Amino acid sequence: MGNVFGGVGYAYSRPLYWKGSQFRNFGLFAGGVGALYLIDDEARTFFADLEEDVPKPVREFGWYFGNPQNNYAFTGSVYLVGLFTKNEKLRRTGVLMMSSATAAGFLQQLTKSLVGRARPTTELGKNYFQPFGGESGLRSFPSGHLVMGLTIAYAAAKQFENPWVKAGFITLGSIPGLSRLLNEQHWLTDIATSAVMSIFIVEAVDQYLDRKYDEKYNNDTKKLSWNLSFGLNQVGVNITF
């Protein structure tokens, strides 16, 4: 378990070592979230109107997959299978999942309390914040379900070289975010921030584990990169892998 907590500490410390390009990306991210903030109300209406068009099993899957109890049960199972089968690659994946889920889970819970943003269903508006409010209705930012679901799916995607398989896992991990938008539990900016948080934490923990394990995921050099892009009436996230 030492590597699990070591990965958590490493992920939290990364901003202390940021240089020019990292600060640039953070500035672009903050600007992108600010742009999305302007359309939070319109996005809420759009996804609420879309809810009945999305199959109920898809919506329910989003809730179950992002549930912390289900999340940790899965990550623990992956680690134990790797341990008992003496599969170092699988064991490393389990550690990556547990460490990333722990780091992301604690950070999102702390942020929820500190920010105290009202959920759309409270009808208090996107501008209502009550730090340390405590109530469930004041814990909109960020989305815990998306953070947990995407963190695990993104970590699992690292097992595979095929870009279509990777994309499949990432799509699967994004369903909790869609589900929470559809039932008006989060604003679009909550979801966008949660997605970037998940990717950042998994990448940081993975860098830490590179120092601890001889077995890598594949023989190729890691090629993943992500950047924010802006255009007229649009904001995008480009992920290359």
Protein backbone atom coordinates (compact mmCIF):
# COMPACT_ATOMS: atom_id res chain seq x y z
CA MET A 1 0.00 0.00 0.00
CA GLY A 2 3.05 2.25 0.22
CA ASN A 3 2.91 2.93 -3.50
CA VAL A 4 -0.78 3.82 -3.25
CA PHE A 5 -0.18 6.61 -0.74
CA GLY A 6 3.09 7.57 -2.38
CA GLY A 7 1.18 8.15 -5.61
CA VAL A 8 -1.37 10.31 -3.78
CA GLY A 9 1.35 12.52 -2.33
CA TYR A 10 3.14 12.75 -5.67
CA ALA A 11 -0.04 13.83 -7.47
CA TYR A 12 -0.80 16.52 -4.90
CA SER A 13 2.74 17.91 -5.08
CA ARG A 14 2.93 18.26 -8.88
CA PRO A 15 1.72 21.90 -9.06
CA LEU A 16 4.79 22.87 -7.00
CA TYR A 17 6.97 21.76 -9.92
CA TRP A 18 5.04 23.34 -12.76
CA LYS A 19 6.98 25.32 -15.35
CA GLY A 20 5.99 27.60 -18.20
CA SER A 21 4.00 25.16 -20.34
CA GLN A 22 2.12 23.75 -17.35
CA PHE A 23 1.12 27.22 -16.17
CA ARG A 24 0.08 28.04 -19.72
CA ASN A 25 -2.17 24.98 -19.85
CA PHE A 26 -3.64 25.84 -16.46
CA GLY A 27 -4.38 29.36 -17.67
CA LEU A 28 -6.09 27.98 -20.77
CA PHE A 29 -8.06 25.57 -18.61
CA ALA A 30 -9.20 28.37 -16.30
CA GLY A 31 -10.15 30.48 -19.30
CA GLY A 32 -12.07 27.58 -20.83
CA VAL A 33 -14.02 26.98 -17.64
CA GLY A 34 -14.77 30.70 -17.48
CA ALA A 35 -16.14 30.56 -21.03
CA LEU A 36 -18.30 27.55 -20.20
CA TYR A 37 -19.57 29.39 -17.12
CA LEU A 38 -21.26 31.86 -19.44
CA ILE A 39 -23.43 29.10 -20.94
CA ASP A 40 -24.09 27.04 -17.79
CA ASP A 41 -27.80 27.94 -17.79
CA GLU A 42 -28.26 27.14 -21.48
CA ALA A 43 -26.39 23.85 -21.06
CA ARG A 44 -28.61 22.92 -18.13
CA THR A 45 -31.73 23.39 -20.24
CA PHE A 46 -30.25 21.48 -23.17
CA PHE A 47 -29.33 18.39 -21.13
CA ALA A 48 -32.55 18.44 -19.10
CA ASP A 49 -34.57 18.38 -22.33
CA LEU A 50 -32.41 15.52 -23.58
CA GLU A 51 -32.95 13.27 -20.55
CA GLU A 52 -35.94 11.31 -21.86
CA ASP A 53 -34.13 10.60 -25.13
CA VAL A 54 -31.31 8.75 -23.35
CA PRO A 55 -32.09 5.11 -22.44
CA LYS A 56 -32.68 4.57 -18.74
CA PRO A 57 -30.01 1.80 -18.47
CA VAL A 58 -27.40 4.28 -19.68
CA ARG A 59 -28.47 6.84 -17.09
CA GLU A 60 -28.48 4.25 -14.31
CA PHE A 61 -25.08 2.91 -15.35
CA GLY A 62 -23.64 6.39 -14.93
CA TRP A 63 -24.76 6.49 -11.31
CA TYR A 64 -23.55 3.00 -10.42
CA PHE A 65 -20.20 3.30 -12.19
CA GLY A 66 -19.40 6.57 -10.45
CA ASN A 67 -20.50 5.35 -7.02
CA PRO A 68 -17.44 5.29 -4.68
CA GLN A 69 -18.32 1.92 -3.10
CA ASN A 70 -18.59 0.20 -6.48
CA ASN A 71 -15.49 2.03 -7.61
CA TYR A 72 -13.26 0.83 -4.79
CA ALA A 73 -14.62 -2.70 -5.00
CA PHE A 74 -13.54 -2.86 -8.64
CA THR A 75 -10.10 -1.33 -8.10
CA GLY A 76 -9.41 -3.64 -5.17
CA SER A 77 -10.41 -6.65 -7.24
CA VAL A 78 -8.00 -5.68 -10.02
CA TYR A 79 -5.13 -5.37 -7.55
CA LEU A 80 -5.90 -8.68 -5.81
CA VAL A 81 -6.13 -10.57 -9.10
CA GLY A 82 -2.74 -9.18 -10.09
CA LEU A 83 -1.32 -10.06 -6.68
CA PHE A 84 -2.52 -13.67 -6.61
CA THR A 85 -1.65 -14.34 -10.24
CA LYS A 86 1.74 -12.64 -9.81
CA ASN A 87 0.97 -10.43 -12.78
CA GLU A 88 3.01 -7.29 -12.16
CA LYS A 89 1.36 -5.36 -14.97
CA LEU A 90 -2.11 -6.02 -13.59
CA ARG A 91 -0.98 -5.33 -10.03
CA ARG A 92 0.45 -2.00 -11.14
CA THR A 93 -2.85 -1.16 -12.80
CA GLY A 94 -4.64 -1.90 -9.53
CA VAL A 95 -2.26 0.38 -7.65
CA LEU A 96 -2.74 3.09 -10.28
CA MET A 97 -6.51 2.82 -9.90
CA MET A 98 -6.50 2.79 -6.09
CA SER A 99 -4.00 5.63 -5.75
CA SER A 100 -5.73 7.78 -8.38
CA ALA A 101 -9.19 7.09 -6.93
CA THR A 102 -7.97 7.94 -3.42
CA ALA A 103 -6.31 11.18 -4.53
CA ALA A 104 -9.24 12.22 -6.71
CA GLY A 105 -11.86 11.15 -4.18
CA PHE A 106 -10.38 13.13 -1.30
CA LEU A 107 -9.71 16.19 -3.45
CA GLN A 108 -13.23 16.32 -4.85
CA GLN A 109 -14.79 15.90 -1.40
CA LEU A 110 -12.64 18.70 0.01
CA THR A 111 -13.42 20.95 -2.94
CA LYS A 112 -17.15 20.30 -2.64
CA SER A 113 -17.07 21.51 0.96
CA LEU A 114 -14.81 24.50 0.31
CA VAL A 115 -16.75 25.77 -2.71
CA GLY A 116 -20.32 24.95 -1.64
CA ARG A 117 -21.85 25.50 -5.07
CA ALA A 118 -25.60 25.01 -5.37
CA ARG A 119 -26.85 22.19 -7.59
CA PRO A 120 -29.13 23.15 -10.49
CA THR A 121 -32.07 21.39 -8.82
CA THR A 122 -31.99 23.80 -5.88
CA GLU A 123 -33.03 26.62 -8.26
CA LEU A 124 -30.60 28.95 -6.47
CA GLY A 125 -28.74 29.64 -9.70
CA LYS A 126 -25.26 28.99 -10.98
CA ASN A 127 -23.86 31.95 -9.05
CA TYR A 128 -24.88 30.71 -5.60
CA PHE A 129 -21.98 29.56 -3.42
CA GLN A 130 -22.02 28.82 0.29
CA PRO A 131 -18.65 27.47 1.47
CA PHE A 132 -18.96 24.72 4.08
CA GLY A 133 -22.72 24.67 3.54
CA GLY A 134 -22.80 20.96 4.28
CA GLU A 135 -26.09 20.18 2.55
CA SER A 136 -26.16 17.84 -0.44
CA GLY A 137 -27.75 20.58 -2.51
CA LEU A 138 -24.66 22.73 -1.98
CA ARG A 139 -22.11 20.19 -3.22
CA SER A 140 -22.32 20.60 -6.97
CA PHE A 141 -18.67 21.42 -7.70
CA PRO A 142 -17.02 19.19 -8.80
CA SER A 143 -18.87 16.01 -9.85
CA GLY A 144 -17.82 13.13 -7.63
CA HIS A 145 -19.43 10.53 -9.88
CA LEU A 146 -17.53 11.70 -12.95
CA VAL A 147 -14.26 12.08 -11.04
CA MET A 148 -14.44 8.52 -9.75
CA GLY A 149 -15.78 6.94 -12.93
CA LEU A 150 -13.42 8.66 -15.37
CA THR A 151 -10.41 8.19 -13.10
CA ILE A 152 -10.86 4.41 -13.11
CA ALA A 153 -11.72 4.19 -16.80
CA TYR A 154 -8.78 6.38 -17.80
CA ALA A 155 -6.42 4.28 -15.69
CA ALA A 156 -7.78 1.09 -17.25
CA ALA A 157 -7.33 2.53 -20.75
CA LYS A 158 -3.61 2.71 -20.12
CA GLN A 159 -3.50 -1.09 -20.27
CA PHE A 160 -4.09 -1.04 -24.01
CA GLU A 161 -2.24 0.20 -27.07
CA ASN A 162 -5.22 0.23 -29.44
CA PRO A 163 -6.56 3.81 -29.63
CA TRP A 164 -10.12 2.58 -30.21
CA VAL A 165 -10.02 0.50 -27.05
CA LYS A 166 -8.64 3.48 -25.15
CA ALA A 167 -11.40 5.68 -26.55
CA GLY A 168 -13.98 3.07 -25.53
CA PHE A 169 -12.82 3.11 -21.91
CA ILE A 170 -12.73 6.90 -21.79
CA THR A 171 -16.23 7.07 -23.28
CA LEU A 172 -17.41 4.57 -20.66
CA GLY A 173 -15.87 6.66 -17.90
CA SER A 174 -17.58 9.79 -19.21
CA ILE A 175 -21.09 8.37 -18.90
CA PRO A 176 -21.41 9.33 -15.19
CA GLY A 177 -20.86 12.95 -16.20
CA LEU A 178 -23.55 12.77 -18.86
CA SER A 179 -25.90 11.05 -16.43
CA ARG A 180 -25.44 13.77 -13.81
CA LEU A 181 -26.02 16.51 -16.39
CA LEU A 182 -29.21 14.84 -17.57
CA ASN A 183 -30.73 14.71 -14.08
CA GLU A 184 -29.59 18.26 -13.29
CA GLN A 185 -27.24 17.38 -10.46
CA HIS A 186 -24.34 19.39 -11.89
CA TRP A 187 -23.53 22.36 -14.07
CA LEU A 188 -21.48 21.94 -17.24
CA THR A 189 -18.52 23.70 -15.60
CA ASP A 190 -18.60 21.15 -12.76
CA ILE A 191 -18.29 18.35 -15.30
CA ALA A 192 -15.51 19.98 -17.33
CA THR A 193 -13.43 20.63 -14.22
CA SER A 194 -13.98 17.09 -12.97
CA ALA A 195 -12.78 15.58 -16.26
CA VAL A 196 -9.54 17.55 -16.26
CA MET A 197 -8.98 16.76 -12.58
CA SER A 198 -9.29 13.03 -13.27
CA ILE A 199 -6.86 13.06 -16.20
CA PHE A 200 -4.30 15.15 -14.33
CA ILE A 201 -4.31 12.89 -11.28
CA VAL A 202 -4.03 9.63 -13.23
CA GLU A 203 -1.15 11.00 -15.31
CA ALA A 204 0.67 12.20 -12.19
CA VAL A 205 0.27 8.90 -10.34
CA ASP A 206 1.35 7.00 -13.45
CA GLN A 207 4.57 9.02 -13.59
CA TYR A 208 5.23 8.11 -9.97
CA LEU A 209 4.66 4.40 -10.60
CA ASP A 210 7.09 4.47 -13.54
CA ARG A 211 9.79 4.82 -10.90
CA LYS A 212 8.49 1.93 -8.82
CA TYR A 213 7.66 -0.80 -11.34
CA ASP A 214 9.80 -2.41 -14.03
CA GLU A 215 6.73 -3.58 -15.95
CA LYS A 216 5.27 -0.86 -18.18
CA TYR A 217 1.90 -0.92 -19.88
CA ASN A 218 3.36 -1.32 -23.34
CA ASN A 219 6.63 -0.83 -25.14
CA ASP A 220 5.74 2.50 -26.70
CA THR A 221 6.68 5.83 -25.24
CA LYS A 222 3.68 7.56 -23.73
CA LYS A 223 2.17 9.81 -26.34
CA LEU A 224 -0.83 11.23 -24.51
CA SER A 225 -1.24 14.96 -24.56
CA TRP A 226 -4.19 17.27 -24.10
CA ASN A 227 -4.80 20.88 -24.92
CA LEU A 228 -7.65 23.32 -24.76
CA SER A 229 -8.77 25.03 -27.96
CA PHE A 230 -10.97 28.04 -28.49
CA GLY A 231 -12.98 29.35 -31.42
CA LEU A 232 -16.05 31.42 -32.16
CA ASN A 233 -18.81 30.19 -29.80
CA GLN A 234 -16.90 27.00 -28.95
CA VAL A 235 -14.49 25.57 -26.43
CA GLY A 236 -12.83 22.20 -26.94
CA VAL A 237 -10.50 19.71 -25.28
CA ASN A 238 -8.16 17.86 -27.63
CA ILE A 239 -6.80 14.57 -26.30
CA THR A 240 -4.12 12.80 -28.35
CA PHE A 241 -3.13 9.22 -27.52
